[in-house]
């Protein structure tokens, strides 16, 4: 069951990445375990998983937290230009 959910999560992230920026391969790799730990009920909705991860930022792994904070900083830099 977990493998099936994992595949669904990755497919949803890949599909949504084409429509909107919902995570790079590096971000998905860093955050997959955290997504299942904190946000499994939102899989396969990539936007909901992303929001859930942000809401649980304090409990995330270092790698995932760095990816989420880095993406947020990059978005802020992009808006300033």
Protein backbone atom coordinates (compact mmCIF):
# COMPACT_ATOMS: atom_id res chain seq x y z
CA UNK A 1 0.00 0.00 0.00
CA UNK A 2 2.82 2.39 0.89
CA UNK A 3 4.52 1.67 -2.44
CA UNK A 4 1.29 2.44 -4.28
CA UNK A 5 0.88 5.71 -2.39
CA UNK A 6 4.52 6.56 -3.06
CA UNK A 7 4.02 6.07 -6.78
CA UNK A 8 0.84 8.14 -6.69
CA UNK A 9 2.63 10.93 -4.83
CA UNK A 10 5.53 11.02 -7.26
CA UNK A 11 3.24 10.91 -10.27
CA UNK A 12 1.09 13.70 -8.87
CA UNK A 13 4.14 15.82 -8.19
CA UNK A 14 5.53 15.18 -11.65
CA UNK A 15 2.20 15.95 -13.31
CA UNK A 16 1.64 19.08 -11.28
CA UNK A 17 5.20 20.26 -11.87
CA UNK A 18 4.27 20.69 -15.51
CA UNK A 19 1.25 22.83 -14.64
CA UNK A 20 2.70 24.68 -11.66
CA UNK A 21 5.96 24.72 -9.69
CA UNK A 22 5.19 22.12 -7.02
CA UNK A 23 8.66 20.86 -6.40
CA UNK A 24 11.79 19.75 -8.15
CA UNK A 25 13.11 16.22 -8.22
CA UNK A 26 15.52 17.19 -5.43
CA UNK A 27 12.69 18.60 -3.31
CA UNK A 28 10.52 15.53 -3.81
CA UNK A 29 13.45 13.27 -2.96
CA UNK A 30 14.22 15.20 0.23
CA UNK A 31 10.59 15.43 1.35
CA UNK A 32 8.92 12.13 0.39
CA UNK A 33 9.40 10.55 3.84
CA UNK A 34 8.21 13.71 5.57
CA UNK A 35 5.21 13.90 3.24
CA UNK A 36 4.13 10.44 4.38
CA UNK A 37 4.90 11.16 8.01
CA UNK A 38 2.95 14.43 8.23
CA UNK A 39 0.78 14.73 5.13
CA UNK A 40 -0.22 11.28 3.87
CA UNK A 41 -3.91 12.20 3.91
CA UNK A 42 -3.26 14.84 1.21
CA UNK A 43 -1.50 12.52 -1.26
CA UNK A 44 -1.76 12.73 -4.30
CA UNK A 45 -2.68 16.46 -4.20
CA UNK A 46 0.80 17.99 -4.59
CA UNK A 47 -0.33 21.52 -3.67
CA UNK A 48 -2.01 20.28 -0.49
CA UNK A 49 1.07 18.21 0.42
CA UNK A 50 3.28 21.26 -0.12
CA UNK A 51 1.04 23.40 2.12
CA UNK A 52 0.97 20.65 4.75
CA UNK A 53 4.77 20.39 4.73
CA UNK A 54 5.05 24.15 5.17
CA UNK A 55 2.62 23.98 8.10
CA UNK A 56 4.79 21.28 9.71
CA UNK A 57 8.15 22.93 8.95
CA UNK A 58 9.37 22.54 12.54
CA UNK A 59 9.13 18.75 12.44
CA UNK A 60 10.61 18.16 8.99
CA UNK A 61 13.93 16.53 8.29
CA UNK A 62 16.86 18.88 7.73
CA UNK A 63 16.99 18.05 4.03
CA UNK A 64 13.29 18.69 3.45
CA UNK A 65 13.28 21.85 5.55
CA UNK A 66 16.23 23.19 3.56
CA UNK A 67 14.49 22.45 0.28
CA UNK A 68 11.23 24.12 1.33
CA UNK A 69 12.96 27.18 2.76
CA UNK A 70 15.20 27.42 -0.31
CA UNK A 71 12.20 27.27 -2.65
CA UNK A 72 10.42 29.99 -0.66
CA UNK A 73 13.51 32.21 -0.79
CA UNK A 74 13.85 31.65 -4.55
CA UNK A 75 10.20 32.63 -5.08
CA UNK A 76 10.74 35.82 -3.07
CA UNK A 77 13.82 36.70 -5.11
CA UNK A 78 11.87 36.08 -8.31
CA UNK A 79 9.10 38.47 -7.25
CA UNK A 80 11.54 41.29 -6.53
CA UNK A 81 12.86 41.42 -10.10
